[in-house]
């Protein structure tokens, strides 16, 4: 439980999922965490997790205000069913997780444009979830 405006509230979680759980989902989760409304957290997973976090995530977040919010734990497999209040898939096959919000990025290369798009989408999601 967390306290929001003096009242106890259940902590809520956004699960960001990308194919490997190692790059795009990590970047989105860091940006979301940096802007998250009270009581919300983010976590990540992959449909077919890599053995390690992508080198692109720390590189793209280096020097940003959310650099320290990047989760560097080993990639996790999507639980079935996901134990999250909201699931966002990023560049996964359509319908990979029934009921998930699907993001299909304009840019597929791990560059500043992809980072900017993930930042904008994650921060917009945080604003939409704010009370």
C-alpha atoms as a PDB file:
ATOM      1  CA  UNK A   1       0.000   0.000   0.000  1.00  0.00           C
ATOM      2  CA  UNK A   2       1.031   3.558  -0.659  1.00  0.00           C
ATOM      3  CA  UNK A   3      -0.271   6.812   0.738  1.00  0.00           C
ATOM      4  CA  UNK A   4      -1.867   9.183  -1.752  1.00  0.00           C
ATOM      5  CA  UNK A   5      -3.205  12.474  -0.379  1.00  0.00           C
ATOM      6  CA  UNK A   6      -3.219  11.002   3.137  1.00  0.00           C
ATOM      7  CA  UNK A   7      -5.218   7.888   2.193  1.00  0.00           C
ATOM      8  CA  UNK A   8      -4.003   4.326   1.774  1.00  0.00           C
ATOM      9  CA  UNK A   9      -4.146   3.148  -1.833  1.00  0.00           C
ATOM     10  CA  UNK A  10      -3.051  -0.005  -3.613  1.00  0.00           C
ATOM     11  CA  UNK A  11       0.191   0.428  -5.531  1.00  0.00           C
ATOM     12  CA  UNK A  12      -0.496   0.140  -9.249  1.00  0.00           C
ATOM     13  CA  UNK A  13       1.838  -1.193 -11.911  1.00  0.00           C
ATOM     14  CA  UNK A  14       2.363  -0.680 -15.622  1.00  0.00           C
ATOM     15  CA  UNK A  15       4.096  -3.636 -17.271  1.00  0.00           C
ATOM     16  CA  UNK A  16       6.037  -2.655 -20.389  1.00  0.00           C
ATOM     17  CA  UNK A  17       6.699  -5.633 -22.665  1.00  0.00           C
ATOM     18  CA  UNK A  18       8.901  -5.805 -25.729  1.00  0.00           C
ATOM     19  CA  UNK A  19       9.982  -8.864 -27.677  1.00  0.00           C
ATOM     20  CA  UNK A  20      13.168  -9.407 -25.649  1.00  0.00           C
ATOM     21  CA  UNK A  21      12.478  -7.379 -22.479  1.00  0.00           C
ATOM     22  CA  UNK A  22      15.920  -5.882 -22.765  1.00  0.00           C
ATOM     23  CA  UNK A  23      15.744  -2.512 -24.525  1.00  0.00           C
ATOM     24  CA  UNK A  24      12.540  -0.731 -25.544  1.00  0.00           C
ATOM     25  CA  UNK A  25      10.555  -1.820 -22.490  1.00  0.00           C
ATOM     26  CA  UNK A  26      13.420  -0.747 -20.204  1.00  0.00           C
ATOM     27  CA  UNK A  27      13.624   2.695 -21.763  1.00  0.00           C
ATOM     28  CA  UNK A  28       9.840   3.201 -21.597  1.00  0.00           C
ATOM     29  CA  UNK A  29       9.707   2.054 -17.963  1.00  0.00           C
ATOM     30  CA  UNK A  30      12.457   4.482 -16.945  1.00  0.00           C
ATOM     31  CA  UNK A  31      10.687   7.416 -18.626  1.00  0.00           C
ATOM     32  CA  UNK A  32       7.350   6.378 -17.102  1.00  0.00           C
ATOM     33  CA  UNK A  33       8.866   6.035 -13.623  1.00  0.00           C
ATOM     34  CA  UNK A  34      10.342   9.518 -13.912  1.00  0.00           C
ATOM     35  CA  UNK A  35       6.889  10.980 -14.592  1.00  0.00           C
ATOM     36  CA  UNK A  36       4.661   8.455 -12.777  1.00  0.00           C
ATOM     37  CA  UNK A  37       1.674   9.731 -10.854  1.00  0.00           C
ATOM     38  CA  UNK A  38       1.596   8.918  -7.128  1.00  0.00           C
ATOM     39  CA  UNK A  39       1.070   5.232  -6.462  1.00  0.00           C
ATOM     40  CA  UNK A  40       2.182   4.018  -9.904  1.00  0.00           C
ATOM     41  CA  UNK A  41       5.318   2.037 -10.729  1.00  0.00           C
ATOM     42  CA  UNK A  42       6.649   0.368 -13.855  1.00  0.00           C
ATOM     43  CA  UNK A  43       8.228  -2.985 -14.547  1.00  0.00           C
ATOM     44  CA  UNK A  44       9.356  -4.778 -17.691  1.00  0.00           C
ATOM     45  CA  UNK A  45       9.313  -8.182 -19.327  1.00  0.00           C
ATOM     46  CA  UNK A  46       9.873  -9.856 -22.664  1.00  0.00           C
ATOM     47  CA  UNK A  47       7.966 -12.352 -24.737  1.00  0.00           C
ATOM     48  CA  UNK A  48      11.247 -14.203 -25.353  1.00  0.00           C
ATOM     49  CA  UNK A  49      13.745 -12.571 -22.947  1.00  0.00           C
ATOM     50  CA  UNK A  50      17.379 -12.058 -23.818  1.00  0.00           C
ATOM     51  CA  UNK A  51      20.019 -13.188 -21.360  1.00  0.00           C
ATOM     52  CA  UNK A  52      20.993  -9.604 -20.522  1.00  0.00           C
ATOM     53  CA  UNK A  53      19.830  -6.001 -20.771  1.00  0.00           C
ATOM     54  CA  UNK A  54      20.513  -4.436 -24.159  1.00  0.00           C
ATOM     55  CA  UNK A  55      23.488  -2.087 -24.310  1.00  0.00           C
ATOM     56  CA  UNK A  56      21.222   0.396 -26.115  1.00  0.00           C
ATOM     57  CA  UNK A  57      19.094   1.193 -23.043  1.00  0.00           C
ATOM     58  CA  UNK A  58      21.902   2.548 -20.836  1.00  0.00           C
ATOM     59  CA  UNK A  59      23.499   4.281 -23.840  1.00  0.00           C
ATOM     60  CA  UNK A  60      20.299   6.126 -24.791  1.00  0.00           C
ATOM     61  CA  UNK A  61      19.457   7.125 -21.224  1.00  0.00           C
ATOM     62  CA  UNK A  62      22.999   8.212 -20.280  1.00  0.00           C
ATOM     63  CA  UNK A  63      22.995  11.809 -19.099  1.00  0.00           C
ATOM     64  CA  UNK A  64      19.197  12.058 -18.902  1.00  0.00           C
ATOM     65  CA  UNK A  65      17.164  12.761 -15.781  1.00  0.00           C
ATOM     66  CA  UNK A  66      15.999   9.111 -15.722  1.00  0.00           C
ATOM     67  CA  UNK A  67      19.382   7.428 -16.178  1.00  0.00           C
ATOM     68  CA  UNK A  68      19.346   6.178 -12.574  1.00  0.00           C
ATOM     69  CA  UNK A  69      15.801   4.780 -12.965  1.00  0.00           C
ATOM     70  CA  UNK A  70      16.862   2.201 -15.573  1.00  0.00           C
ATOM     71  CA  UNK A  71      16.267  -1.356 -14.332  1.00  0.00           C
ATOM     72  CA  UNK A  72      19.387  -3.428 -15.039  1.00  0.00           C
ATOM     73  CA  UNK A  73      18.108  -6.725 -13.599  1.00  0.00           C
ATOM     74  CA  UNK A  74      18.026  -9.724 -15.928  1.00  0.00           C
ATOM     75  CA  UNK A  75      15.121  -9.644 -18.398  1.00  0.00           C
ATOM     76  CA  UNK A  76      11.992 -11.424 -17.176  1.00  0.00           C
ATOM     77  CA  UNK A  77       9.431 -13.520 -19.019  1.00  0.00           C
ATOM     78  CA  UNK A  78       5.889 -12.203 -19.247  1.00  0.00           C
ATOM     79  CA  UNK A  79       3.837 -13.836 -16.503  1.00  0.00           C
ATOM     80  CA  UNK A  80       0.651 -15.500 -17.675  1.00  0.00           C
ATOM     81  CA  UNK A  81      -1.615 -13.745 -17.010  1.00  0.00           C
ATOM     82  CA  UNK A  82       0.384 -10.588 -16.370  1.00  0.00           C
ATOM     83  CA  UNK A  83       0.032  -9.362 -12.801  1.00  0.00           C
ATOM     84  CA  UNK A  84      -0.206  -5.679 -13.665  1.00  0.00           C
ATOM     85  CA  UNK A  85      -2.886  -3.015 -13.725  1.00  0.00           C
ATOM     86  CA  UNK A  86      -1.940  -2.010 -17.254  1.00  0.00           C
ATOM     87  CA  UNK A  87       0.134  -3.828 -19.872  1.00  0.00           C
ATOM     88  CA  UNK A  88       1.791  -2.002 -22.763  1.00  0.00           C
ATOM     89  CA  UNK A  89       3.428  -4.010 -25.527  1.00  0.00           C
ATOM     90  CA  UNK A  90       6.075  -2.298 -27.623  1.00  0.00           C
ATOM     91  CA  UNK A  91       6.683  -3.581 -31.145  1.00  0.00           C
ATOM     92  CA  UNK A  92       5.302  -7.023 -30.301  1.00  0.00           C
ATOM     93  CA  UNK A  93       3.187  -9.064 -32.679  1.00  0.00           C
ATOM     94  CA  UNK A  94      -0.458  -7.891 -32.651  1.00  0.00           C
ATOM     95  CA  UNK A  95      -2.460  -9.593 -29.917  1.00  0.00           C
ATOM     96  CA  UNK A  96       0.652 -10.968 -28.212  1.00  0.00           C
ATOM     97  CA  UNK A  97      -0.958 -10.208 -24.846  1.00  0.00           C
ATOM     98  CA  UNK A  98      -4.756  -9.992 -25.017  1.00  0.00           C
ATOM     99  CA  UNK A  99      -6.068  -6.700 -23.646  1.00  0.00           C
ATOM    100  CA  UNK A 100      -2.702  -4.948 -23.754  1.00  0.00           C
ATOM    101  CA  UNK A 101      -2.241  -1.459 -25.114  1.00  0.00           C
ATOM    102  CA  UNK A 102      -0.082  -1.879 -28.203  1.00  0.00           C
ATOM    103  CA  UNK A 103       2.601   0.619 -29.157  1.00  0.00           C
ATOM    104  CA  UNK A 104       4.176   0.299 -32.595  1.00  0.00           C
ATOM    105  CA  UNK A 105       7.069   2.722 -32.830  1.00  0.00           C
ATOM    106  CA  UNK A 106       7.791   4.903 -35.839  1.00  0.00           C
ATOM    107  CA  UNK A 107      11.516   4.185 -35.506  1.00  0.00           C
ATOM    108  CA  UNK A 108      12.972   0.700 -35.168  1.00  0.00           C
ATOM    109  CA  UNK A 109      16.596   1.751 -34.693  1.00  0.00           C
ATOM    110  CA  UNK A 110      17.917   2.326 -31.205  1.00  0.00           C
ATOM    111  CA  UNK A 111      18.693   6.007 -31.674  1.00  0.00           C
ATOM    112  CA  UNK A 112      17.748   9.372 -30.198  1.00  0.00           C
ATOM    113  CA  UNK A 113      14.519   9.421 -32.242  1.00  0.00           C
ATOM    114  CA  UNK A 114      13.326   6.126 -30.748  1.00  0.00           C
ATOM    115  CA  UNK A 115      14.295   7.343 -27.286  1.00  0.00           C
ATOM    116  CA  UNK A 116      12.353  10.578 -27.833  1.00  0.00           C
ATOM    117  CA  UNK A 117       9.283   8.665 -29.017  1.00  0.00           C
ATOM    118  CA  UNK A 118       9.378   6.326 -26.006  1.00  0.00           C
ATOM    119  CA  UNK A 119       9.845   9.313 -23.684  1.00  0.00           C
ATOM    120  CA  UNK A 120       6.868  11.157 -25.185  1.00  0.00           C
ATOM    121  CA  UNK A 121       4.585   8.107 -25.073  1.00  0.00           C
ATOM    122  CA  UNK A 122       5.586   7.108 -21.520  1.00  0.00           C
ATOM    123  CA  UNK A 123       5.181  10.634 -20.180  1.00  0.00           C
ATOM    124  CA  UNK A 124       1.800  10.997 -21.926  1.00  0.00           C
ATOM    125  CA  UNK A 125       0.691   7.699 -20.351  1.00  0.00           C
ATOM    126  CA  UNK A 126       1.776   8.981 -16.923  1.00  0.00           C
ATOM    127  CA  UNK A 127      -0.293  12.167 -17.447  1.00  0.00           C
ATOM    128  CA  UNK A 128      -3.328  10.098 -18.532  1.00  0.00           C
ATOM    129  CA  UNK A 129      -3.098   7.969 -15.374  1.00  0.00           C
ATOM    130  CA  UNK A 130      -2.773  10.929 -13.026  1.00  0.00           C
ATOM    131  CA  UNK A 131      -5.793  11.513 -10.784  1.00  0.00           C
END
